[in-house]
């Protein structure tokens, strides 16, 4: 798919659906399209540090994490690495060429932390409170269990909601999707975004019938899929 965002700027944005450890198609697409920025939507699962896996395009790389990126300590280390700490978009807004602002929300909702579909309040507002309630023998790096490093906490969304962006990338889907979450729609409107892009569901459903009601365009990128947005 090719979409227009900032038509006067050179080079497109490349949004990449869950790679699950496969990289050559991303490298090939980035080089063929001369992408100005390559944005990974989570579930990376690199077998080696991410900056090594994507060395030919690392200077244009941005990403969020997914639920599978906390499956093991080795995967975690290959994603949360110091070499690319400033390219991890989770909980941040960065400005790309042509002034496009992009925000990231990695991870997934888990009922043991917060399920926005329930009417009950979140069990834990932040990771620190969750860590305090976690038995010592279940903690990882003196914090929550490793799995919960890819759980979404309310304070992370609260932090983003006070910022402005043009694009919001998430691992979870927004409300249009059968397995999506309306709280992501609310966040997108609070941030004033024009577009959301997500992975996780391994599909790319046409959501255009919902755009007027949402107040923004929404796209899913399928398993190991690539979506090109022209003019970055």
Protein backbone atom coordinates (compact mmCIF):
# COMPACT_ATOMS: atom_id res chain seq x y z
CA UNK A 1 0.00 0.00 0.00
CA UNK A 2 1.18 3.54 -0.77
CA UNK A 3 -0.23 6.58 1.03
CA UNK A 4 0.53 10.30 1.01
CA UNK A 5 1.41 12.12 4.22
CA UNK A 6 3.88 14.90 3.47
CA UNK A 7 4.07 15.03 -0.34
CA UNK A 8 6.89 17.58 -0.68
CA UNK A 9 9.46 15.62 1.36
CA UNK A 10 11.91 13.12 -0.21
CA UNK A 11 11.75 9.42 0.54
CA UNK A 12 8.86 7.45 2.05
CA UNK A 13 8.16 6.06 5.47
CA UNK A 14 8.23 2.27 5.59
CA UNK A 15 6.00 0.62 8.22
CA UNK A 16 6.85 -3.03 8.81
CA UNK A 17 4.50 -5.63 10.31
CA UNK A 18 5.71 -8.15 12.88
CA UNK A 19 8.96 -9.57 11.45
CA UNK A 20 9.33 -12.41 14.00
CA UNK A 21 13.03 -12.71 13.29
CA UNK A 22 12.93 -12.26 9.49
CA UNK A 23 14.75 -9.20 8.13
CA UNK A 24 15.79 -9.48 4.48
CA UNK A 25 12.40 -8.38 3.11
CA UNK A 26 12.63 -5.22 5.24
CA UNK A 27 16.17 -4.44 4.11
CA UNK A 28 15.22 -5.06 0.46
CA UNK A 29 12.10 -2.86 0.68
CA UNK A 30 14.00 -0.04 2.41
CA UNK A 31 16.72 -0.03 -0.23
CA UNK A 32 14.33 -0.39 -3.17
CA UNK A 33 12.05 2.43 -2.03
CA UNK A 34 14.90 4.59 -0.71
CA UNK A 35 12.90 4.90 2.49
CA UNK A 36 13.81 7.84 4.69
CA UNK A 37 12.63 6.00 7.82
CA UNK A 38 11.92 2.33 8.56
CA UNK A 39 9.46 1.76 11.41
CA UNK A 40 8.97 -1.67 12.99
CA UNK A 41 5.64 -2.37 14.71
CA UNK A 42 6.78 -4.91 17.32
CA UNK A 43 7.29 -8.67 17.67
CA UNK A 44 10.81 -8.28 16.37
CA UNK A 45 12.39 -11.38 18.00
CA UNK A 46 15.92 -10.75 16.74
CA UNK A 47 18.38 -13.64 17.11
CA UNK A 48 21.20 -11.08 17.28
CA UNK A 49 21.26 -7.46 18.47
CA UNK A 50 18.87 -5.44 16.33
CA UNK A 51 21.56 -3.06 15.08
CA UNK A 52 23.43 -6.07 13.66
CA UNK A 53 20.36 -7.69 12.10
CA UNK A 54 19.49 -4.45 10.30
CA UNK A 55 22.99 -3.05 9.81
CA UNK A 56 22.45 -1.95 6.15
CA UNK A 57 19.57 0.35 7.17
CA UNK A 58 20.22 0.98 10.85
CA UNK A 59 20.66 4.72 10.40
CA UNK A 60 16.99 5.05 9.38
CA UNK A 61 15.51 2.57 11.86
CA UNK A 62 12.77 3.22 14.46
CA UNK A 63 10.76 0.62 16.37
CA UNK A 64 8.44 -0.40 19.17
CA UNK A 65 8.37 -3.75 20.97
CA UNK A 66 5.67 -6.41 20.95
CA UNK A 67 4.56 -9.12 23.33
CA UNK A 68 6.96 -11.70 21.88
CA UNK A 69 9.93 -9.44 22.54
CA UNK A 70 9.87 -10.50 26.19
CA UNK A 71 9.73 -14.24 25.48
CA UNK A 72 13.30 -14.72 26.69
CA UNK A 73 16.18 -12.80 28.22
CA UNK A 74 18.18 -13.09 25.00
CA UNK A 75 15.41 -11.61 22.86
CA UNK A 76 14.91 -8.82 25.39
CA UNK A 77 18.62 -8.00 25.32
CA UNK A 78 18.66 -7.94 21.52
CA UNK A 79 15.74 -5.46 21.43
CA UNK A 80 16.44 -3.28 24.51
CA UNK A 81 20.05 -2.59 23.56
CA UNK A 82 22.04 0.58 24.25
CA UNK A 83 23.08 0.98 20.60
CA UNK A 84 19.48 1.69 19.57
CA UNK A 85 18.03 3.09 22.80
CA UNK A 86 17.31 6.42 21.09
CA UNK A 87 15.40 4.62 18.28
CA UNK A 88 12.93 2.84 20.58
CA UNK A 89 9.74 4.89 20.18
CA UNK A 90 7.76 3.44 23.09
CA UNK A 91 6.31 6.23 25.23
CA UNK A 92 7.94 8.95 23.11
CA UNK A 93 7.30 11.42 20.33
CA UNK A 94 10.07 12.08 17.81
CA UNK A 95 10.14 14.40 14.83
CA UNK A 96 11.10 12.89 11.48
CA UNK A 97 12.22 14.73 8.33
CA UNK A 98 9.64 17.23 7.01
CA UNK A 99 8.47 17.78 10.59
CA UNK A 100 6.26 14.69 10.87
CA UNK A 101 5.91 13.74 14.54
CA UNK A 102 5.59 10.07 15.35
CA UNK A 103 4.67 8.53 18.71
CA UNK A 104 4.97 4.92 19.87
CA UNK A 105 3.14 2.59 22.22
CA UNK A 106 4.69 -0.86 22.36
CA UNK A 107 3.44 -3.96 24.13
CA UNK A 108 0.00 -5.39 24.83
CA UNK A 109 -2.81 -5.16 27.36
CA UNK A 110 -2.82 -8.00 29.89
CA UNK A 111 -5.60 -8.65 32.36
CA UNK A 112 -3.16 -9.15 35.22
CA UNK A 113 -2.22 -5.47 34.75
CA UNK A 114 -5.04 -3.76 32.86
CA UNK A 115 -7.70 -4.92 30.44
CA UNK A 116 -9.48 -1.83 29.09
CA UNK A 117 -12.42 -4.02 28.01
CA UNK A 118 -13.21 -4.62 31.68
CA UNK A 119 -15.10 -2.03 33.68
CA UNK A 120 -12.80 -2.67 36.60
CA UNK A 121 -9.95 -0.22 37.18
CA UNK A 122 -6.38 -1.25 36.35
CA UNK A 123 -4.75 -3.50 38.92
CA UNK A 124 -1.51 -1.52 38.61
CA UNK A 125 -1.08 2.01 37.31
CA UNK A 126 2.62 1.63 36.61
CA UNK A 127 5.41 -0.95 36.51
CA UNK A 128 6.86 0.24 39.82
CA UNK A 129 3.63 -0.50 41.71
CA UNK A 130 3.43 -3.89 40.00
CA UNK A 131 7.02 -4.68 40.97
CA UNK A 132 6.30 -3.93 44.61
CA UNK A 133 3.45 -6.46 44.54
CA UNK A 134 5.53 -9.11 42.74
CA UNK A 135 7.09 -11.82 44.94
CA UNK A 136 10.87 -11.60 45.00
CA UNK A 137 11.32 -15.00 43.35
CA UNK A 138 9.17 -13.92 40.37
CA UNK A 139 10.92 -10.61 39.71
CA UNK A 140 13.33 -9.98 36.87
CA UNK A 141 16.10 -7.42 37.33
CA UNK A 142 14.44 -6.52 40.64
CA UNK A 143 11.28 -5.46 38.83
CA UNK A 144 8.25 -7.20 37.38
CA UNK A 145 8.39 -10.61 35.73
CA UNK A 146 10.15 -10.41 32.34
CA UNK A 147 6.87 -11.00 30.50
CA UNK A 148 5.42 -7.80 31.92
CA UNK A 149 8.10 -5.63 30.34
CA UNK A 150 5.81 -5.88 27.31
CA UNK A 151 2.62 -5.11 29.25
CA UNK A 152 0.98 -1.70 28.80
CA UNK A 153 0.53 0.33 31.99
CA UNK A 154 -1.89 3.26 32.30
CA UNK A 155 0.88 5.73 33.18
CA UNK A 156 2.52 5.09 29.81
CA UNK A 157 -0.64 6.12 27.99
CA UNK A 158 -1.14 9.06 30.37
CA UNK A 159 2.34 10.29 29.50
CA UNK A 160 1.66 10.13 25.76
CA UNK A 161 -1.78 11.73 26.06
CA UNK A 162 -0.23 15.04 27.05
CA UNK A 163 1.84 15.23 23.85
CA UNK A 164 1.02 15.96 20.23
CA UNK A 165 1.89 13.85 17.18
CA UNK A 166 0.93 13.25 13.57
CA UNK A 167 1.25 9.45 13.61
CA UNK A 168 0.78 6.99 16.46
CA UNK A 169 2.25 3.52 16.05
CA UNK A 170 1.05 0.76 18.37
CA UNK A 171 1.44 -2.97 18.66
CA UNK A 172 -2.18 -3.44 19.75
CA UNK A 173 -4.94 -2.48 17.31
CA UNK A 174 -7.28 0.48 17.87
CA UNK A 175 -11.01 0.13 18.29
CA UNK A 176 -12.03 -0.57 14.68
CA UNK A 177 -10.52 -4.06 14.92
CA UNK A 178 -12.48 -6.95 16.41
CA UNK A 179 -9.56 -7.49 18.79
CA UNK A 180 -8.73 -3.82 19.19
CA UNK A 181 -9.10 -1.30 22.00
CA UNK A 182 -11.11 1.92 22.04
CA UNK A 183 -8.68 3.46 24.54
CA UNK A 184 -6.17 3.66 21.70
CA UNK A 185 -8.72 5.70 19.73
CA UNK A 186 -9.05 8.03 22.71
CA UNK A 187 -5.28 8.36 22.96
CA UNK A 188 -4.99 9.09 19.24
CA UNK A 189 -7.58 11.87 19.49
CA UNK A 190 -5.94 13.33 22.59
CA UNK A 191 -2.66 13.48 20.71
CA UNK A 192 -4.27 14.95 17.59
CA UNK A 193 -2.85 12.30 15.27
CA UNK A 194 -3.88 11.97 11.65
CA UNK A 195 -2.96 8.30 11.37
CA UNK A 196 -2.45 5.20 13.49
CA UNK A 197 -0.51 2.14 12.33
CA UNK A 198 -0.40 -1.16 14.21
CA UNK A 199 0.89 -4.70 13.98
CA UNK A 200 0.17 -7.69 16.26
CA UNK A 201 -2.96 -9.01 14.52
CA UNK A 202 -1.12 -10.16 11.37
CA UNK A 203 -3.73 -8.60 9.09
CA UNK A 204 -4.40 -5.41 7.15
CA UNK A 205 -8.15 -4.88 7.31
CA UNK A 206 -9.68 -1.96 5.39
CA UNK A 207 -10.89 0.32 8.20
CA UNK A 208 -11.75 3.34 6.05
CA UNK A 209 -15.47 3.12 6.93
CA UNK A 210 -14.51 4.04 10.51
CA UNK A 211 -12.21 6.97 9.79
CA UNK A 212 -14.76 9.78 10.06
CA UNK A 213 -16.06 8.54 13.41
CA UNK A 214 -12.55 7.86 14.70
CA UNK A 215 -11.20 11.24 13.71
CA UNK A 216 -8.06 9.70 12.18
CA UNK A 217 -7.03 7.12 9.59
CA UNK A 218 -6.06 3.68 10.88
CA UNK A 219 -3.98 0.98 9.23
CA UNK A 220 -2.87 -2.50 10.21
CA UNK A 221 0.21 -4.07 8.65
CA UNK A 222 0.16 -7.84 8.29
CA UNK A 223 2.67 -10.47 9.29
CA UNK A 224 6.03 -9.49 7.77
CA UNK A 225 4.14 -6.97 5.64
CA UNK A 226 5.34 -3.57 4.48
CA UNK A 227 3.31 -0.37 4.07
CA UNK A 228 4.82 2.61 2.26
CA UNK A 229 3.80 6.17 3.08
CA UNK A 230 5.16 8.59 0.49
CA UNK A 231 6.70 11.92 1.39
CA UNK A 232 8.47 11.84 4.73
